[in-house]
């Protein structure tokens, strides 16, 4: 591992751990990104107030236009970088996902669209918990010139930034997030499922796609530790999430 980069990551971890304000961590993330030749970053959580189909942005260094487009168009559902992160806990280079067996034409278009915002390539650091992907730190730029040793150093940086910023952000979390980590929309989908509505009917009522509805229900089941949708509804009733 290049000593300069290792020292930079260790210094980053030390600085972040002492921060009391997420804005200060944002500056640290920009500094770390620049040290590796990147120009942007994104730190997000997929649990608590967020989910795999509706991430909660903890700190963003993305161009606001790209961030709004990404969230508004639900790109997270098709982004090959996120798809790989759900099954791998190791940091990786974005462009590697172009050859993944499950990459879709829509996923490739998302990677191509990011180029207009000076994100030709980048690195994604997944953060996994007992139930899978819980968060991620991404760095993007014109190119990604990093070694395998650098990626391992990034893993330390990602875990440190995620855990500390998550703790700093908790007071600002939406109030509709329940103690089991379900978002308001996930609980709402469970409520309508309990009333006997199909995914298509729930989608029509909430003004979202059937695919997105299935994602919300899948996430709710995962967070509750349910075997299936019916089991999730039963657990939600028992725990007072719906009633």
Foldseek 3Di string as FASTA:
>chain_A
DPPVLLVLLVVLLVVLVPDLDVVVNLVSVCVNLVVQPFRWKWKWWQFQQHNQQQIDTLDTRFDVVLVCVCRVVSVSVQALVNVVQQVDQFKDKSVVSVPDPPHDPSNVVNLVVCVVRQFVMWMKHFDADPLTTTIIMITGHNDGDDDSVSRVSVNSNTVSNRVSSVVSCVVVRDPQGDPLGQHVLLLVLLQVVVVVDDLCRSCVVVVHDSVVSVRSQVRLCSSLVHPHSVRSSVSCVVVVSYD
